[in-house]
Amino acid sequence: MYFLFKRALDMFFSAIGLIVLFPLLAIFAIAIKIDSNGPVIFKQKRLGRNGTEFDMYKFRTMVVNAESKGTGLFNYDNDPRVTRVGRFLRETSIDELPQLINVIKGEMSLVGPRPPVKNELGDYNLLNARYKKRFEVLPGITGLAQVSGRNELPWDEKINYDNQYVEMVKKNGLFVDIKILLLTIINVFRKKDIYEKKVSSDINDEESAKIAALEVISKAQEKESGSDL
C-alpha cells in the first residue's frame, strides 16, 4: 500500500512542480545556453531499482565532456569545470529539477537513495549484499544520506544511510519521506554539503579523485564475512 501511495504522490507533486516551475526552468535553460556551449540538459546513465539502467536528467552545470576531464565524477570546491550559471544551479539544487521527469516516468521517486552513475560502484552483479540492498527501492531526487551529509559523506557512509532508509520506510512509510523532504528544503536554503571532501589536503584534486574512485569500487565489491561469493 505504501508504494501505491508513494507513486501517486510522486506523480502528483512532480506534475504540479513542472507546471508551476516551468517559467523558471525556461529562464535557467536560456541562461545555461547563453553562458556556455553545449546542451541545456545533461543526460547520464544511472542505476535504478534492481540495477536497471536509465538516463537521469539534470541541467548542465559543467563544460561539455566534463566527466573525462579533471576529477571525473568527483566535484570539489572551486572545480574549474563548473560554469558560472552552473555554480548557482548547484548551490541552489535547481540543477536537479529536471529529474521530476524521471519521477513521472517511474524511473525515480522524490525520495530514495541517490542513483549512482553506471559503473561508479563497479559491476552491479559483483556488488556485495550491503551495497546492493539500497537498490531494493526506487532511487530519489533526495534521500536520507542527502539530508545527513550529502556530498561530504564518503560512499561507504552513504550506503549506511541508504540501507537505513530502506528499513525505515518498511516501518513508518510516508512519514519518513515527508520528513526527508522538509529537511531537504531546509538544507537547500542553507546551501549545506554541496561539495565532496578530498581524501587528503596534501594531494591535488585529480589524485584525490583517483584514490576515492578506486576505494569506492573496492568496498562495494569487497567479499563479506561468511559469504561464499
Protein backbone atom coordinates (compact mmCIF):
# COMPACT_ATOMS: atom_id res chain seq x y z
CA MET A 1 0.00 0.00 0.00
CA TYR A 2 2.88 2.36 0.85
CA PHE A 3 4.37 2.07 -2.63
CA LEU A 4 0.99 2.80 -4.30
CA PHE A 5 0.52 5.97 -2.23
CA LYS A 6 4.14 6.95 -2.80
CA ARG A 7 3.81 6.53 -6.55
CA ALA A 8 0.58 8.55 -6.63
CA LEU A 9 2.15 11.39 -4.63
CA ASP A 10 5.31 11.29 -6.77
CA MET A 11 3.23 11.68 -9.93
CA PHE A 12 1.03 14.43 -8.49
CA PHE A 13 3.76 16.63 -6.99
CA SER A 14 6.13 16.14 -9.93
CA ALA A 15 3.47 17.15 -12.46
CA ILE A 16 2.45 20.17 -10.37
CA GLY A 17 6.10 21.10 -9.88
CA LEU A 18 6.88 21.04 -13.58
CA ILE A 19 3.81 23.12 -14.43
CA VAL A 20 4.35 25.73 -11.71
CA LEU A 21 8.11 25.96 -12.20
CA PHE A 22 8.06 25.93 -16.00
CA PRO A 23 8.70 29.71 -16.40
CA LEU A 24 11.66 29.48 -14.00
CA LEU A 25 13.02 26.39 -15.74
CA ALA A 26 12.77 28.16 -19.09
CA ILE A 27 14.73 31.15 -17.76
CA PHE A 28 17.55 28.94 -16.49
CA ALA A 29 17.57 26.95 -19.71
CA ILE A 30 18.20 30.19 -21.62
CA ALA A 31 20.86 31.26 -19.09
CA ILE A 32 22.71 27.96 -19.49
CA LYS A 33 22.69 28.29 -23.28
CA ILE A 34 24.00 31.87 -23.15
CA ASP A 35 26.64 31.10 -20.53
CA SER A 36 28.43 28.19 -22.24
CA ASN A 37 28.43 25.98 -25.30
CA GLY A 38 26.57 22.68 -25.10
CA PRO A 39 23.13 21.24 -24.40
CA VAL A 40 20.84 22.60 -21.69
CA ILE A 41 20.00 19.17 -20.33
CA PHE A 42 22.72 16.76 -19.24
CA LYS A 43 21.83 13.07 -19.54
CA GLN A 44 23.78 10.49 -17.61
CA LYS A 45 23.46 6.70 -17.31
CA ARG A 46 22.48 5.81 -13.76
CA LEU A 47 21.47 2.65 -11.91
CA GLY A 48 17.93 2.46 -10.58
CA ARG A 49 15.89 -0.14 -8.74
CA ASN A 50 17.37 -3.64 -9.04
CA GLY A 51 20.28 -2.21 -11.01
CA THR A 52 18.17 -1.15 -14.00
CA GLU A 53 19.91 1.45 -16.17
CA PHE A 54 18.19 4.70 -17.09
CA ASP A 55 19.06 8.19 -18.32
CA MET A 56 18.91 10.67 -15.47
CA TYR A 57 18.29 14.31 -16.38
CA LYS A 58 19.93 17.40 -14.90
CA PHE A 59 20.52 20.96 -16.00
CA ARG A 60 24.06 21.05 -17.38
CA THR A 61 26.30 22.78 -14.85
CA MET A 62 29.71 21.87 -16.29
CA VAL A 63 31.56 22.21 -19.55
CA VAL A 64 30.85 19.56 -22.19
CA ASN A 65 32.58 16.18 -21.57
CA ALA A 66 33.49 17.21 -18.03
CA GLU A 67 33.49 13.57 -16.88
CA SER A 68 36.56 12.88 -18.98
CA LYS A 69 38.44 15.87 -17.58
CA GLY A 70 40.00 16.77 -14.26
CA THR A 71 38.47 14.91 -11.30
CA GLY A 72 35.96 12.90 -13.35
CA LEU A 73 32.85 12.10 -11.32
CA PHE A 74 34.15 13.92 -8.26
CA ASN A 75 33.32 17.57 -7.70
CA TYR A 76 35.42 19.50 -5.22
CA ASP A 77 35.12 23.16 -4.27
CA ASN A 78 36.28 25.61 -6.97
CA ASP A 79 36.06 22.96 -9.69
CA PRO A 80 37.13 24.78 -12.91
CA ARG A 81 34.77 22.62 -15.00
CA VAL A 82 31.69 24.20 -13.39
CA THR A 83 30.23 27.09 -15.38
CA ARG A 84 29.17 30.42 -13.88
CA VAL A 85 25.48 29.64 -14.14
CA GLY A 86 26.21 26.05 -13.18
CA ARG A 87 27.69 27.07 -9.84
CA PHE A 88 24.49 28.87 -8.90
CA LEU A 89 22.35 25.95 -10.05
CA ARG A 90 24.39 23.53 -7.95
CA GLU A 91 24.36 25.71 -4.85
CA THR A 92 20.58 26.03 -5.01
CA SER A 93 20.00 22.42 -6.23
CA ILE A 94 17.99 23.82 -9.15
CA ASP A 95 20.08 21.62 -11.45
CA GLU A 96 18.22 18.58 -10.05
CA LEU A 97 14.72 19.77 -11.04
CA PRO A 98 14.66 18.06 -14.49
CA GLN A 99 14.63 14.79 -12.55
CA LEU A 100 10.94 15.42 -11.96
CA ILE A 101 10.62 13.99 -15.48
CA ASN A 102 12.40 10.83 -14.30
CA VAL A 103 9.90 10.62 -11.45
CA ILE A 104 6.92 10.88 -13.79
CA LYS A 105 8.46 8.18 -16.00
CA GLY A 106 8.66 5.88 -12.97
CA GLU A 107 12.45 5.67 -13.00
CA MET A 108 12.85 7.68 -9.81
CA SER A 109 10.94 8.85 -6.76
CA LEU A 110 11.02 12.18 -4.95
CA VAL A 111 12.69 10.41 -2.01
CA GLY A 112 15.05 7.46 -2.10
CA PRO A 113 18.75 6.58 -2.34
CA ARG A 114 20.55 8.67 -4.95
CA PRO A 115 21.22 6.63 -8.12
CA PRO A 116 24.92 6.03 -8.76
CA VAL A 117 26.49 6.64 -12.14
CA LYS A 118 26.77 3.45 -14.18
CA ASN A 119 29.96 1.60 -13.15
CA GLU A 120 30.64 4.10 -10.35
CA LEU A 121 30.42 1.15 -7.95
CA GLY A 122 31.89 -1.26 -10.47
CA ASP A 123 29.92 -4.16 -11.94
CA TYR A 124 26.44 -4.25 -10.36
CA ASN A 125 26.42 -8.05 -10.38
CA LEU A 126 29.58 -8.09 -8.25
CA LEU A 127 28.26 -5.79 -5.53
CA ASN A 128 28.18 -7.28 -2.05
CA ALA A 129 24.84 -7.60 -0.24
CA ARG A 130 25.34 -4.44 1.81
CA TYR A 131 25.88 -2.25 -1.23
CA LYS A 132 23.11 -3.95 -3.22
CA LYS A 133 20.42 -3.53 -0.54
CA ARG A 134 19.84 0.13 -1.41
CA PHE A 135 18.66 -0.92 -4.87
CA GLU A 136 15.55 -2.58 -3.42
CA VAL A 137 13.68 0.72 -3.80
CA LEU A 138 13.44 3.41 -6.46
CA PRO A 139 16.23 6.00 -6.35
CA GLY A 140 15.26 9.51 -5.32
CA ILE A 141 15.95 13.15 -6.07
CA THR A 142 16.77 13.43 -2.37
CA GLY A 143 17.26 10.89 0.38
CA LEU A 144 18.31 10.23 3.95
CA ALA A 145 22.00 10.38 3.05
CA GLN A 146 21.50 13.77 1.37
CA VAL A 147 19.92 15.36 4.47
CA SER A 148 22.55 13.73 6.69
CA GLY A 149 25.64 15.00 4.92
CA ARG A 150 25.04 14.97 1.17
CA ASN A 151 28.23 15.15 -0.89
CA GLU A 152 30.54 15.46 2.11
CA LEU A 153 29.80 11.84 3.03
CA PRO A 154 32.01 9.10 1.56
CA TRP A 155 30.16 6.39 -0.34
CA ASP A 156 30.52 3.87 2.49
CA GLU A 157 28.65 6.18 4.87
CA LYS A 158 26.00 6.95 2.25
CA ILE A 159 25.34 3.21 1.98
CA ASN A 160 24.64 3.04 5.73
CA TYR A 161 22.06 5.82 5.45
CA ASP A 162 20.53 4.37 2.28
CA ASN A 163 20.09 0.95 3.88
CA GLN A 164 18.70 2.59 6.99
CA TYR A 165 16.14 4.36 4.79
CA VAL A 166 15.05 1.07 3.20
CA GLU A 167 14.31 -0.33 6.66
CA MET A 168 12.69 2.87 7.95
CA VAL A 169 10.09 3.05 5.18
CA LYS A 170 9.08 -0.53 5.88
CA LYS A 171 8.08 0.56 9.39
CA ASN A 172 6.97 4.18 9.03
CA GLY A 173 6.14 4.59 5.33
CA LEU A 174 5.36 8.06 4.02
CA PHE A 175 6.16 9.79 7.32
CA VAL A 176 9.85 9.10 6.59
CA ASP A 177 9.59 10.59 3.09
CA ILE A 178 7.78 13.70 4.30
CA LYS A 179 10.42 14.34 6.98
CA ILE A 180 13.24 13.95 4.45
CA LEU A 181 11.55 16.36 2.01
CA LEU A 182 11.22 19.00 4.73
CA LEU A 183 14.85 18.58 5.79
CA THR A 184 15.89 18.82 2.14
CA ILE A 185 14.20 22.20 1.77
CA ILE A 186 15.98 23.46 4.89
CA ASN A 187 19.36 22.23 3.65
CA VAL A 188 18.87 23.81 0.22
CA PHE A 189 18.34 27.23 1.81
CA ARG A 190 21.42 26.69 3.97
CA LYS A 191 23.44 25.55 0.94
CA LYS A 192 24.87 22.71 3.01
CA ASP A 193 27.33 19.99 1.99
CA ILE A 194 27.43 20.84 -1.72
CA TYR A 195 30.97 19.70 -2.47
CA GLU A 196 32.83 16.47 -1.81
CA LYS A 197 35.73 16.21 0.62
CA LYS A 198 39.19 15.38 -0.64
CA VAL A 199 40.89 12.22 0.56
CA SER A 200 43.76 14.38 1.83
CA SER A 201 44.56 18.07 1.74
CA ASP A 202 48.17 17.19 0.90
CA ILE A 203 47.35 15.96 -2.62
CA ASN A 204 45.79 17.65 -5.64
CA ASP A 205 42.18 17.20 -6.71
CA GLU A 206 42.94 14.74 -9.52
CA GLU A 207 44.94 12.42 -7.27
CA SER A 208 42.26 12.56 -4.61
CA ALA A 209 39.58 11.65 -7.16
CA LYS A 210 41.55 8.64 -8.44
CA ILE A 211 42.12 7.28 -4.92
CA ALA A 212 38.48 7.84 -3.92
CA ALA A 213 37.14 6.16 -7.09
CA LEU A 214 39.23 3.03 -6.54
CA GLU A 215 38.25 2.89 -2.88
CA VAL A 216 34.54 3.08 -3.71
CA ILE A 217 34.69 0.09 -6.07
CA SER A 218 36.91 -1.86 -3.69
CA LYS A 219 34.45 -1.53 -0.80
CA ALA A 220 31.40 -2.08 -2.99
CA GLN A 221 32.74 -5.41 -4.21
CA GLU A 222 34.51 -6.41 -1.03
CA LYS A 223 33.78 -10.00 -0.01
CA GLU A 224 31.65 -10.05 3.12
CA SER A 225 32.44 -12.33 6.05
CA GLY A 226 30.57 -15.61 5.81
CA SER A 227 29.99 -15.22 2.07
CA ASP A 228 30.98 -17.86 -0.46
CA LEU A 229 30.89 -15.40 -3.34
